[in-house]
């Protein structure tokens, strides 16, 4: 893919470059680690939904979380482009290797937490309470509102943007483009990835919506997604350790 980018940049055809940025961003969203990470968020977010709610609203909710992932992913890539091309900073390869390792660990954690039905990066609220006799104590509870999933999706997308092929696209664009053209390219690349992940998330959510009353089926799907996510994360870690001989 990156050989194609280099050849494209060298043509100096800005319209073709920008159009390709949007298309590649759309395709970029379909990478397995992106899909598996987002799937865990869709699975964990469907437990409180019932068939009384409209299919349209449920699909929109899944797509919205995909868009939030895309916004986080795009923000990280743009920041990398600004640091390298705008501020002339040098980011060592070790940084991106470390970020990719973090993605592997994150995927394993997401898979494990989804299997155990626990919330990763969940918020815990503390409420003080005073009785009439003057005795005070606090109540604690986990935050279960839907915007919690939005926060997680944004953070997961941001981490994915720092690591992997998205950051390489930003690096390649910064070498072969002027700053202004590069920013247009990265923005369109990001828009493509946002649209792609919104579509994917909506599709992923459909089986869980349609089978919401079939608890055993949903449970098997959750285990399957969690297991695949853990395997992808472990493969990323193993590949990096093997390729770079870290141990």
Protein backbone atom coordinates (compact mmCIF):
# COMPACT_ATOMS: atom_id res chain seq x y z
CA UNK A 1 0.00 0.00 0.00
CA UNK A 2 2.80 2.41 0.87
CA UNK A 3 4.56 1.87 -2.46
CA UNK A 4 1.29 2.99 -4.05
CA UNK A 5 1.30 6.10 -1.85
CA UNK A 6 4.85 7.00 -2.78
CA UNK A 7 4.11 6.68 -6.49
CA UNK A 8 0.94 8.70 -6.04
CA UNK A 9 2.68 11.50 -4.15
CA UNK A 10 5.36 11.72 -6.81
CA UNK A 11 2.76 12.41 -9.50
CA UNK A 12 2.05 15.79 -7.84
CA UNK A 13 -1.61 15.46 -8.86
CA UNK A 14 -3.24 17.04 -5.79
CA UNK A 15 -6.81 16.17 -6.71
CA UNK A 16 -5.91 12.50 -7.22
CA UNK A 17 -3.91 12.46 -3.99
CA UNK A 18 -6.75 13.92 -1.92
CA UNK A 19 -9.35 11.61 -3.48
CA UNK A 20 -7.10 8.63 -2.79
CA UNK A 21 -6.72 9.81 0.83
CA UNK A 22 -10.46 9.56 1.44
CA UNK A 23 -10.69 6.15 -0.25
CA UNK A 24 -7.71 4.68 1.58
CA UNK A 25 -9.06 6.05 4.87
CA UNK A 26 -12.32 4.24 4.19
CA UNK A 27 -10.47 0.97 3.51
CA UNK A 28 -8.17 1.56 6.47
CA UNK A 29 -11.12 1.27 8.88
CA UNK A 30 -11.58 -2.37 7.84
CA UNK A 31 -8.29 -3.55 9.36
CA UNK A 32 -8.84 -6.56 11.67
CA UNK A 33 -7.52 -4.92 14.85
CA UNK A 34 -9.84 -1.94 14.31
CA UNK A 35 -12.88 -4.14 13.76
CA UNK A 36 -12.15 -6.42 16.72
CA UNK A 37 -11.57 -3.51 19.12
CA UNK A 38 -14.78 -1.79 18.04
CA UNK A 39 -16.71 -5.06 18.25
CA UNK A 40 -15.97 -5.34 21.96
CA UNK A 41 -17.50 -1.89 22.47
CA UNK A 42 -20.62 -2.83 20.50
CA UNK A 43 -21.01 -6.07 22.48
CA UNK A 44 -20.55 -4.42 25.87
CA UNK A 45 -22.99 -1.69 24.94
CA UNK A 46 -25.92 -3.91 23.98
CA UNK A 47 -26.74 -5.54 27.31
CA UNK A 48 -29.44 -3.05 28.33
CA UNK A 49 -31.20 -2.88 24.98
CA UNK A 50 -34.52 -4.51 24.18
CA UNK A 51 -36.37 -5.27 20.97
CA UNK A 52 -38.95 -2.67 21.92
CA UNK A 53 -36.44 -0.08 20.84
CA UNK A 54 -36.38 0.58 17.15
CA UNK A 55 -33.84 -1.12 14.92
CA UNK A 56 -33.01 2.26 13.48
CA UNK A 57 -32.06 3.76 16.86
CA UNK A 58 -29.95 0.77 17.85
CA UNK A 59 -28.05 0.76 14.57
CA UNK A 60 -27.51 4.50 14.89
CA UNK A 61 -26.05 3.96 18.38
CA UNK A 62 -23.57 1.40 17.08
CA UNK A 63 -22.62 3.64 14.16
CA UNK A 64 -22.17 6.60 16.48
CA UNK A 65 -19.61 4.69 18.54
CA UNK A 66 -17.80 3.84 15.33
CA UNK A 67 -17.73 7.52 14.41
CA UNK A 68 -16.34 8.40 17.85
CA UNK A 69 -13.57 5.84 17.27
CA UNK A 70 -12.89 7.51 13.93
CA UNK A 71 -12.65 10.96 15.50
CA UNK A 72 -10.10 9.70 18.02
CA UNK A 73 -8.15 7.91 15.28
CA UNK A 74 -8.14 11.01 13.06
CA UNK A 75 -7.07 13.37 15.84
CA UNK A 76 -3.99 11.25 16.62
CA UNK A 77 -2.93 11.03 12.98
CA UNK A 78 -3.33 14.79 12.47
CA UNK A 79 -1.31 15.50 15.63
CA UNK A 80 1.49 13.25 14.35
CA UNK A 81 1.44 15.07 11.00
CA UNK A 82 1.60 18.49 12.69
CA UNK A 83 4.46 17.44 14.97
CA UNK A 84 6.54 16.06 12.11
CA UNK A 85 5.77 18.46 9.25
CA UNK A 86 4.63 21.57 11.11
CA UNK A 87 7.05 21.58 14.05
CA UNK A 88 9.86 19.60 12.36
CA UNK A 89 10.06 17.14 15.24
CA UNK A 90 11.68 13.75 14.79
CA UNK A 91 9.73 10.83 16.20
CA UNK A 92 11.87 7.73 16.57
CA UNK A 93 10.79 4.32 15.31
CA UNK A 94 10.93 3.07 18.90
CA UNK A 95 7.94 5.26 19.74
CA UNK A 96 5.75 3.64 17.09
CA UNK A 97 6.94 0.14 18.03
CA UNK A 98 5.98 0.87 21.64
CA UNK A 99 2.61 2.24 20.53
CA UNK A 100 1.95 -0.92 18.52
CA UNK A 101 2.79 -3.04 21.56
CA UNK A 102 0.30 -0.98 23.57
CA UNK A 103 -2.35 -1.74 20.92
CA UNK A 104 -1.65 -5.47 21.31
CA UNK A 105 -1.95 -5.27 25.10
CA UNK A 106 -5.09 -3.13 24.78
CA UNK A 107 -6.77 -5.68 22.48
CA UNK A 108 -6.06 -8.50 24.92
CA UNK A 109 -7.43 -6.39 27.78
CA UNK A 110 -10.56 -5.53 25.80
CA UNK A 111 -11.14 -9.20 25.02
CA UNK A 112 -10.67 -10.30 28.63
CA UNK A 113 -12.82 -7.52 30.06
CA UNK A 114 -15.58 -8.27 27.55
CA UNK A 115 -15.58 -11.99 28.46
CA UNK A 116 -15.76 -11.11 32.15
CA UNK A 117 -18.41 -8.47 31.44
CA UNK A 118 -16.32 -5.81 33.17
CA UNK A 119 -15.92 -2.19 32.15
CA UNK A 120 -12.45 -1.05 31.16
CA UNK A 121 -11.83 2.65 31.71
CA UNK A 122 -15.15 2.77 33.55
CA UNK A 123 -15.94 5.70 35.83
CA UNK A 124 -16.84 5.28 39.50
CA UNK A 125 -19.01 7.88 41.17
CA UNK A 126 -18.89 8.79 44.88
CA UNK A 127 -21.91 10.40 46.56
CA UNK A 128 -21.63 11.71 50.17
CA UNK A 129 -24.72 11.22 52.33
CA UNK A 130 -25.52 12.58 55.80
CA UNK A 131 -28.24 11.14 58.06
CA UNK A 132 -30.41 13.16 60.44
CA UNK A 133 -28.32 11.95 63.39
CA UNK A 134 -25.24 13.60 61.87
CA UNK A 135 -23.51 10.40 60.73
CA UNK A 136 -22.01 10.76 57.25
CA UNK A 137 -20.89 8.14 54.74
CA UNK A 138 -20.49 7.79 51.00
CA UNK A 139 -22.19 5.68 48.33
CA UNK A 140 -20.18 4.48 45.34
CA UNK A 141 -21.43 3.06 42.08
CA UNK A 142 -20.14 2.41 38.57
CA UNK A 143 -21.07 4.88 35.86
CA UNK A 144 -23.30 3.02 33.40
CA UNK A 145 -24.45 5.73 31.03
CA UNK A 146 -23.89 5.36 27.31
CA UNK A 147 -21.41 8.24 27.03
CA UNK A 148 -18.94 6.08 28.95
CA UNK A 149 -18.70 3.94 25.80
CA UNK A 150 -18.10 7.10 23.77
CA UNK A 151 -15.10 7.97 25.94
CA UNK A 152 -13.67 4.48 25.56
CA UNK A 153 -14.23 4.43 21.80
CA UNK A 154 -12.44 7.78 21.43
CA UNK A 155 -9.46 6.62 23.52
CA UNK A 156 -9.22 3.31 21.64
CA UNK A 157 -9.36 5.13 18.30
CA UNK A 158 -6.67 7.56 19.45
CA UNK A 159 -4.33 4.73 20.41
CA UNK A 160 -4.92 3.04 17.07
CA UNK A 161 -4.13 6.33 15.31
CA UNK A 162 -0.75 6.62 17.03
CA UNK A 163 0.24 3.08 16.13
CA UNK A 164 -0.03 0.98 13.00
CA UNK A 165 -0.50 1.91 9.37
CA UNK A 166 -2.35 5.16 10.15
CA UNK A 167 0.78 6.73 11.62
CA UNK A 168 2.86 5.43 8.70
CA UNK A 169 0.48 7.16 6.29
CA UNK A 170 1.04 10.42 8.22
CA UNK A 171 4.83 9.94 8.10
CA UNK A 172 4.80 9.18 4.37
CA UNK A 173 2.57 12.18 3.61
CA UNK A 174 4.84 14.51 5.63
CA UNK A 175 7.86 13.47 3.53
CA UNK A 176 6.33 13.88 0.07
CA UNK A 177 3.87 16.77 0.57
CA UNK A 178 3.84 20.38 1.57
CA UNK A 179 2.28 21.10 4.95
CA UNK A 180 -1.02 22.47 3.64
CA UNK A 181 -1.59 19.63 1.17
CA UNK A 182 -0.61 17.09 3.82
CA UNK A 183 -3.21 18.48 6.25
CA UNK A 184 -5.93 18.29 3.59
CA UNK A 185 -4.86 14.74 2.82
CA UNK A 186 -4.89 13.65 6.49
CA UNK A 187 -8.27 15.26 7.12
CA UNK A 188 -9.79 13.45 4.14
CA UNK A 189 -8.07 10.23 5.20
CA UNK A 190 -9.65 10.71 8.62
CA UNK A 191 -13.10 11.41 7.18
CA UNK A 192 -12.82 8.21 5.16
CA UNK A 193 -11.91 6.21 8.26
CA UNK A 194 -14.78 7.79 10.24
CA UNK A 195 -17.30 6.84 7.54
CA UNK A 196 -15.82 3.35 7.23
CA UNK A 197 -15.93 2.64 10.96
CA UNK A 198 -19.47 4.04 11.27
CA UNK A 199 -20.62 1.62 8.57
CA UNK A 200 -18.74 -1.31 10.11
CA UNK A 201 -20.08 -0.61 13.61
CA UNK A 202 -23.64 -0.41 12.35
CA UNK A 203 -23.24 -3.77 10.60
CA UNK A 204 -21.60 -5.36 13.65
CA UNK A 205 -24.45 -4.23 15.87
CA UNK A 206 -27.18 -5.82 13.73
CA UNK A 207 -26.68 -9.49 14.80
CA UNK A 208 -26.77 -8.50 18.47
CA UNK A 209 -29.88 -6.39 17.94
CA UNK A 210 -31.74 -9.11 16.05
CA UNK A 211 -30.76 -11.84 18.54
CA UNK A 212 -31.12 -9.76 21.71
CA UNK A 213 -33.70 -12.21 23.12
CA UNK A 214 -31.51 -15.24 22.35
CA UNK A 215 -29.21 -14.98 25.36
CA UNK A 216 -27.23 -18.11 24.61
CA UNK A 217 -26.53 -17.01 21.03
CA UNK A 218 -25.46 -13.54 22.17
CA UNK A 219 -23.20 -15.12 24.78
CA UNK A 220 -21.48 -17.32 22.18
CA UNK A 221 -21.01 -14.34 19.87
CA UNK A 222 -19.52 -12.35 22.73
CA UNK A 223 -17.09 -15.17 23.54
CA UNK A 224 -16.16 -15.47 19.87
CA UNK A 225 -15.46 -11.75 19.45
CA UNK A 226 -13.51 -11.65 22.72
CA UNK A 227 -11.41 -14.67 21.74
CA UNK A 228 -10.61 -13.27 18.28
CA UNK A 229 -9.71 -9.89 19.81
CA UNK A 230 -7.31 -11.55 22.25
CA UNK A 231 -5.72 -13.59 19.44
CA UNK A 232 -5.20 -10.49 17.27
CA UNK A 233 -3.63 -8.67 20.21
CA UNK A 234 -1.35 -11.60 21.01
CA UNK A 235 -0.33 -11.88 17.35
CA UNK A 236 0.61 -8.17 17.26
CA UNK A 237 2.78 -8.57 20.37
CA UNK A 238 4.41 -11.79 19.12
CA UNK A 239 5.11 -10.29 15.67
CA UNK A 240 6.79 -7.20 17.11
CA UNK A 241 8.88 -9.21 19.56
CA UNK A 242 9.90 -11.60 16.79
CA UNK A 243 10.62 -8.98 14.10
CA UNK A 244 12.55 -6.59 16.35
CA UNK A 245 14.09 -9.30 18.58
CA UNK A 246 13.09 -7.43 21.73
CA UNK A 247 13.98 -10.40 23.93
